[in-house]
């Protein structure tokens, strides 16, 4: 049996010059910005306006997004892991807004006549703006036998995924001075969404809350914890509390040791390396936080790869 596994991710600019076309692709996505008309014009205007600021952020983290390299690393590790049990299996990466674009991966997969195709998002929590958008893009281009497709919708309380997060938290705790270990506040920062999306039934925010509860239960509530949301864009109301406000609030309560957990991301990229580790570090320093340490992404975590491998195997065992 020939098997294809397709990992879906956001993608990111691979150079400063590709920031604007990357943003253009993002703002063209009807699952995020659904305009009745003029979407391409809107995307052109807003991407050209935002590109200089965003390019400046990428310059501060090495001039490109590391999400591409980390996703390739995860793809490679997963393929090696699955080859132990499945010899005729290929793992692909399909990015939503940058190369390798989903349309190109659909062409590759269709040309090889696989028996089963597992569609596996690198988004543990389901949202129409992430997993839903990736699946919609796949379905727009895929013309083959739909019965070959197996969709993994979410895995926000998968045991190995939770273990991977806790392993990273434990590693990060070791970076704090030993004398403050009991005072550490674990601050889970998730990518926000507009409240209007929640009202329409998008399960993402609820999935995030369940992950946080499961992580803390897993670690027997070792520390105080808090949930907040980052990356707000535009004037509409977004999920709260905002991460910057949470940092200020904890400082006002004399909580000076913050361990920041990027909970909705499975690899480091601009929202962890710039937004959390540079932009919000300035906020923390301004309000007197003494130890502000950002947990690194799951990236090349063996436990996370085991989680992905188990999800693939579960789908392959479905009739």
Protein backbone atom coordinates (compact mmCIF):
# COMPACT_ATOMS: atom_id res chain seq x y z
CA UNK A 1 0.00 0.00 0.00
CA UNK A 2 1.34 3.42 -1.00
CA UNK A 3 0.74 6.15 1.56
CA UNK A 4 1.17 9.92 1.45
CA UNK A 5 1.16 12.09 4.56
CA UNK A 6 0.73 15.83 3.99
CA UNK A 7 1.74 18.23 6.77
CA UNK A 8 -0.07 21.56 6.59
CA UNK A 9 1.45 24.74 7.94
CA UNK A 10 1.25 28.49 7.49
CA UNK A 11 4.60 28.98 5.77
CA UNK A 12 6.63 32.13 6.12
CA UNK A 13 8.77 34.50 4.06
CA UNK A 14 12.14 32.97 3.18
CA UNK A 15 13.68 36.42 2.65
CA UNK A 16 12.89 40.05 3.48
CA UNK A 17 11.89 40.54 -0.19
CA UNK A 18 9.22 37.83 0.06
CA UNK A 19 7.43 39.47 3.02
CA UNK A 20 5.04 41.47 0.82
CA UNK A 21 3.98 38.59 -1.51
CA UNK A 22 3.61 36.35 1.57
CA UNK A 23 1.28 38.94 3.15
CA UNK A 24 -0.59 39.29 -0.14
CA UNK A 25 -1.32 35.53 -0.14
CA UNK A 26 -2.47 35.75 3.48
CA UNK A 27 -4.85 38.66 2.88
CA UNK A 28 -6.27 36.89 -0.18
CA UNK A 29 -7.47 34.00 2.00
CA UNK A 30 -11.30 34.03 2.02
CA UNK A 31 -11.35 31.94 5.23
CA UNK A 32 -9.72 34.83 7.11
CA UNK A 33 -10.79 37.94 5.19
CA UNK A 34 -14.00 37.16 3.37
CA UNK A 35 -14.91 40.21 1.30
CA UNK A 36 -17.92 40.31 -1.04
CA UNK A 37 -15.78 41.90 -3.76
CA UNK A 38 -12.36 43.45 -4.34
CA UNK A 39 -10.41 40.96 -2.23
CA UNK A 40 -7.31 41.04 -4.43
CA UNK A 41 -7.26 44.84 -4.41
CA UNK A 42 -7.70 44.83 -0.62
CA UNK A 43 -4.86 42.28 -0.30
CA UNK A 44 -2.59 44.37 -2.53
CA UNK A 45 -3.22 47.57 -0.57
CA UNK A 46 -2.90 46.13 2.92
CA UNK A 47 0.13 43.92 2.15
CA UNK A 48 2.05 46.85 0.63
CA UNK A 49 1.14 49.01 3.63
CA UNK A 50 2.13 46.43 6.25
CA UNK A 51 5.20 44.98 4.51
CA UNK A 52 7.81 47.54 5.72
CA UNK A 53 6.88 47.09 9.41
CA UNK A 54 6.72 43.28 9.12
CA UNK A 55 9.99 43.16 7.14
CA UNK A 56 11.62 45.06 10.02
CA UNK A 57 10.45 42.36 12.43
CA UNK A 58 11.93 39.62 10.24
CA UNK A 59 15.24 41.50 10.03
CA UNK A 60 15.46 41.24 13.83
CA UNK A 61 15.10 37.44 13.75
CA UNK A 62 17.53 36.64 10.94
CA UNK A 63 15.87 38.04 7.81
CA UNK A 64 13.46 35.15 7.22
CA UNK A 65 10.96 32.89 8.95
CA UNK A 66 12.39 29.79 10.66
CA UNK A 67 9.00 28.08 10.27
CA UNK A 68 10.09 26.66 6.91
CA UNK A 69 13.22 24.99 8.28
CA UNK A 70 11.44 23.68 11.38
CA UNK A 71 8.58 22.28 9.32
CA UNK A 72 11.05 20.53 7.01
CA UNK A 73 12.81 19.10 10.08
CA UNK A 74 9.47 17.83 11.42
CA UNK A 75 8.61 16.37 8.01
CA UNK A 76 11.92 14.53 7.82
CA UNK A 77 11.72 13.21 11.40
CA UNK A 78 8.14 12.02 10.88
CA UNK A 79 9.03 10.23 7.65
CA UNK A 80 11.94 8.42 9.35
CA UNK A 81 9.67 7.47 12.27
CA UNK A 82 6.89 6.11 10.04
CA UNK A 83 9.30 4.17 7.79
CA UNK A 84 9.81 1.76 10.68
CA UNK A 85 6.27 0.45 10.05
CA UNK A 86 5.42 1.61 6.52
CA UNK A 87 8.04 1.19 3.82
CA UNK A 88 6.08 2.75 0.97
CA UNK A 89 5.23 6.07 2.59
CA UNK A 90 6.14 9.67 1.72
CA UNK A 91 5.68 12.77 3.87
CA UNK A 92 5.10 16.14 2.18
CA UNK A 93 4.81 19.70 3.45
CA UNK A 94 2.05 21.96 2.08
CA UNK A 95 2.29 25.60 3.10
CA UNK A 96 -0.76 27.85 2.99
CA UNK A 97 0.86 31.19 2.11
CA UNK A 98 4.39 30.44 0.90
CA UNK A 99 6.43 27.74 -0.79
CA UNK A 100 5.88 24.86 -1.12
CA UNK A 101 2.32 25.99 -1.86
CA UNK A 102 -0.56 23.54 -1.41
CA UNK A 103 -1.53 23.57 -5.12
CA UNK A 104 1.94 22.32 -6.08
CA UNK A 105 1.87 19.54 -3.48
CA UNK A 106 -1.57 18.42 -4.69
CA UNK A 107 -0.08 17.98 -8.17
CA UNK A 108 2.84 15.93 -6.80
CA UNK A 109 0.61 13.70 -4.69
CA UNK A 110 -1.94 13.13 -7.46
CA UNK A 111 0.81 12.14 -9.91
CA UNK A 112 1.97 9.26 -7.68
CA UNK A 113 -1.34 7.41 -7.30
CA UNK A 114 -1.28 6.79 -3.55
CA UNK A 115 -3.75 4.41 -1.93
CA UNK A 116 -4.25 6.57 1.16
CA UNK A 117 -3.54 10.26 1.77
CA UNK A 118 -3.40 11.48 5.38
CA UNK A 119 -3.92 15.23 5.75
CA UNK A 120 -2.24 16.32 8.99
CA UNK A 121 -2.21 19.99 10.06
CA UNK A 122 0.59 21.33 12.25
CA UNK A 123 -2.18 23.14 14.11
CA UNK A 124 -3.25 21.08 17.17
CA UNK A 125 -6.33 23.27 17.71
CA UNK A 126 -8.97 23.50 14.99
CA UNK A 127 -9.92 26.89 13.58
CA UNK A 128 -11.47 27.74 10.23
CA UNK A 129 -8.63 30.26 9.84
CA UNK A 130 -5.89 27.60 10.09
CA UNK A 131 -6.82 23.93 9.65
CA UNK A 132 -10.10 24.80 7.93
CA UNK A 133 -8.36 27.13 5.49
CA UNK A 134 -5.67 24.53 4.70
CA UNK A 135 -8.25 21.80 4.08
CA UNK A 136 -10.33 24.14 1.91
CA UNK A 137 -7.28 25.03 -0.15
CA UNK A 138 -6.46 21.34 -0.61
CA UNK A 139 -10.02 20.55 -1.69
CA UNK A 140 -10.01 23.43 -4.20
CA UNK A 141 -7.11 21.82 -6.07
CA UNK A 142 -7.48 18.07 -5.43
CA UNK A 143 -9.34 16.36 -8.29
CA UNK A 144 -8.63 12.73 -7.35
CA UNK A 145 -10.57 10.05 -5.48
CA UNK A 146 -11.92 11.69 -2.29
CA UNK A 147 -12.23 8.30 -0.57
CA UNK A 148 -8.41 8.18 -0.36
CA UNK A 149 -8.36 11.28 1.87
CA UNK A 150 -8.18 11.02 5.67
CA UNK A 151 -8.38 14.30 7.60
CA UNK A 152 -6.89 14.85 11.07
CA UNK A 153 -9.00 17.72 12.40
CA UNK A 154 -7.28 18.36 15.76
CA UNK A 155 -5.20 16.80 18.53
CA UNK A 156 -5.22 19.40 21.28
CA UNK A 157 -5.37 16.85 24.12
CA UNK A 158 -3.28 14.13 22.48
CA UNK A 159 -1.18 12.54 25.24
CA UNK A 160 2.19 12.73 23.47
CA UNK A 161 1.52 16.33 22.43
CA UNK A 162 0.83 17.25 26.07
CA UNK A 163 3.99 15.41 27.14
CA UNK A 164 6.00 17.35 24.55
CA UNK A 165 4.74 20.68 25.92
CA UNK A 166 5.49 19.65 29.50
CA UNK A 167 8.97 18.51 28.58
CA UNK A 168 9.65 21.98 27.10
CA UNK A 169 8.18 23.67 30.21
CA UNK A 170 10.43 21.58 32.46
CA UNK A 171 13.47 22.49 30.33
CA UNK A 172 12.54 26.18 30.58
CA UNK A 173 12.10 26.09 34.36
CA UNK A 174 15.78 25.08 34.60
CA UNK A 175 16.70 28.45 33.05
CA UNK A 176 15.32 30.33 36.08
CA UNK A 177 17.35 30.99 39.23
CA UNK A 178 16.67 28.07 41.58
CA UNK A 179 15.58 30.37 44.41
CA UNK A 180 12.57 31.68 42.43
CA UNK A 181 11.38 28.33 41.05
CA UNK A 182 8.29 28.18 43.28
CA UNK A 183 7.33 31.74 42.28
CA UNK A 184 7.30 31.12 38.50
CA UNK A 185 4.07 32.10 36.76
CA UNK A 186 3.39 29.93 33.69
CA UNK A 187 1.86 32.25 31.10
CA UNK A 188 0.27 30.48 28.13
CA UNK A 189 0.15 32.84 25.15
CA UNK A 190 -2.03 31.71 22.26
CA UNK A 191 -2.62 33.36 18.90
CA UNK A 192 -5.83 35.34 19.25
CA UNK A 193 -8.88 35.35 17.00
CA UNK A 194 -11.73 37.86 16.63
CA UNK A 195 -14.54 37.30 19.14
CA UNK A 196 -16.95 37.27 16.17
CA UNK A 197 -15.35 33.98 15.08
CA UNK A 198 -16.06 32.43 18.48
CA UNK A 199 -19.69 33.57 18.22
CA UNK A 200 -19.94 31.79 14.86
CA UNK A 201 -18.97 28.53 16.56
CA UNK A 202 -15.24 28.33 15.84
CA UNK A 203 -13.93 25.84 18.47
CA UNK A 204 -10.34 27.14 18.59
CA UNK A 205 -10.53 29.16 21.83
CA UNK A 206 -12.22 26.27 23.63
CA UNK A 207 -9.58 23.85 22.33
CA UNK A 208 -6.84 26.16 23.64
CA UNK A 209 -8.46 26.27 27.10
CA UNK A 210 -8.71 22.48 27.18
CA UNK A 211 -5.03 22.12 26.24
CA UNK A 212 -3.98 24.50 29.02
CA UNK A 213 -6.14 22.65 31.56
CA UNK A 214 -4.76 19.28 30.41
CA UNK A 215 -1.14 20.47 30.53
CA UNK A 216 -1.54 21.80 34.07
CA UNK A 217 -3.40 18.67 35.22
CA UNK A 218 -0.60 16.57 33.70
CA UNK A 219 1.96 18.49 35.77
CA UNK A 220 -0.24 18.36 38.90
CA UNK A 221 -0.68 22.15 38.89
CA UNK A 222 3.00 22.67 39.71
CA UNK A 223 2.75 26.47 39.37
CA UNK A 224 0.23 29.27 39.02
CA UNK A 225 -0.82 29.61 35.40
CA UNK A 226 -2.54 32.16 33.16
CA UNK A 227 -3.93 32.20 29.61
CA UNK A 228 -3.72 35.20 27.29
CA UNK A 229 -3.84 36.00 23.57
CA UNK A 230 -1.47 37.74 21.15
CA UNK A 231 -1.18 38.96 17.54
CA UNK A 232 -4.31 41.15 17.36
CA UNK A 233 -4.81 42.80 13.96
CA UNK A 234 -7.39 45.47 13.13
CA UNK A 235 -9.99 47.37 15.17
CA UNK A 236 -12.45 44.55 15.98
CA UNK A 237 -12.74 42.91 19.40
CA UNK A 238 -10.37 39.95 19.86
CA UNK A 239 -10.01 37.28 22.52
CA UNK A 240 -8.80 38.65 25.85
CA UNK A 241 -6.81 39.17 27.99
CA UNK A 242 -4.09 40.40 25.63
CA UNK A 243 -0.59 39.09 26.38
CA UNK A 244 0.89 42.56 26.95
CA UNK A 245 -1.92 43.39 29.42
CA UNK A 246 -1.38 40.08 31.22
CA UNK A 247 2.33 40.88 31.68
CA UNK A 248 1.42 44.31 33.12
CA UNK A 249 -1.26 42.81 35.37
CA UNK A 250 1.12 40.18 36.81
CA UNK A 251 3.77 42.84 37.44
CA UNK A 252 1.19 44.93 39.33
CA UNK A 253 0.59 41.88 41.58
CA UNK A 254 4.35 41.66 42.24
CA UNK A 255 4.68 38.47 40.16
CA UNK A 256 8.18 38.99 38.74
CA UNK A 257 9.08 35.59 37.23
CA UNK A 258 7.26 34.73 34.01
CA UNK A 259 7.65 31.58 31.92
CA UNK A 260 5.98 32.30 28.59
CA UNK A 261 4.55 29.26 26.77
CA UNK A 262 3.59 29.81 23.10
CA UNK A 263 0.71 27.36 23.25
CA UNK A 264 -0.88 27.51 19.78
CA UNK A 265 2.38 27.12 17.84
CA UNK A 266 4.40 23.94 17.22
CA UNK A 267 7.55 25.66 15.93
CA UNK A 268 9.29 28.97 16.42
CA UNK A 269 8.51 31.79 14.01
CA UNK A 270 7.98 35.55 14.02
CA UNK A 271 5.22 35.44 16.64
CA UNK A 272 7.45 33.64 19.13
CA UNK A 273 10.89 35.03 18.27
CA UNK A 274 9.86 38.64 17.65
CA UNK A 275 6.48 39.22 19.26
CA UNK A 276 6.99 37.22 22.46
CA UNK A 277 10.76 37.34 22.83
CA UNK A 278 11.49 40.91 21.69
CA UNK A 279 8.33 43.07 21.64
CA UNK A 280 6.74 41.76 24.84
CA UNK A 281 10.14 41.51 26.57
CA UNK A 282 10.25 45.32 26.30
CA UNK A 283 6.84 45.44 28.02
CA UNK A 284 8.11 43.10 30.76
CA UNK A 285 11.27 45.13 31.36
CA UNK A 286 9.28 48.37 31.49
CA UNK A 287 7.01 47.07 34.27
CA UNK A 288 9.81 45.50 36.32
CA UNK A 289 9.57 41.78 35.51
CA UNK A 290 12.83 40.26 36.80
CA UNK A 291 12.89 36.96 34.89
CA UNK A 292 11.04 36.84 31.57
CA UNK A 293 11.83 33.59 29.76
CA UNK A 294 10.11 32.38 26.58
CA UNK A 295 9.85 28.63 26.09
CA UNK A 296 11.24 27.47 22.76
CA UNK A 297 8.83 25.86 20.31
CA UNK A 298 8.29 22.11 20.03
CA UNK A 299 10.43 22.31 16.88
CA UNK A 300 12.42 19.02 16.76
CA UNK A 301 10.82 17.46 19.86
CA UNK A 302 10.87 13.66 19.62
CA UNK A 303 7.71 13.48 21.72
CA UNK A 304 5.88 15.77 19.31
CA UNK A 305 6.97 13.64 16.36
CA UNK A 306 5.66 10.59 18.23
CA UNK A 307 2.33 12.39 18.61
CA UNK A 308 2.18 13.04 14.85
CA UNK A 309 3.23 9.45 14.09
CA UNK A 310 0.48 8.06 16.34
CA UNK A 311 -2.12 10.29 14.66
CA UNK A 312 -1.10 8.95 11.24
CA UNK A 313 -1.26 5.35 12.46
CA UNK A 314 -4.72 5.89 13.95
CA UNK A 315 -5.99 7.18 10.60
CA UNK A 316 -4.38 4.30 8.69
CA UNK A 317 -6.15 1.83 10.97
CA UNK A 318 -9.54 3.37 10.16
CA UNK A 319 -11.57 1.40 7.67
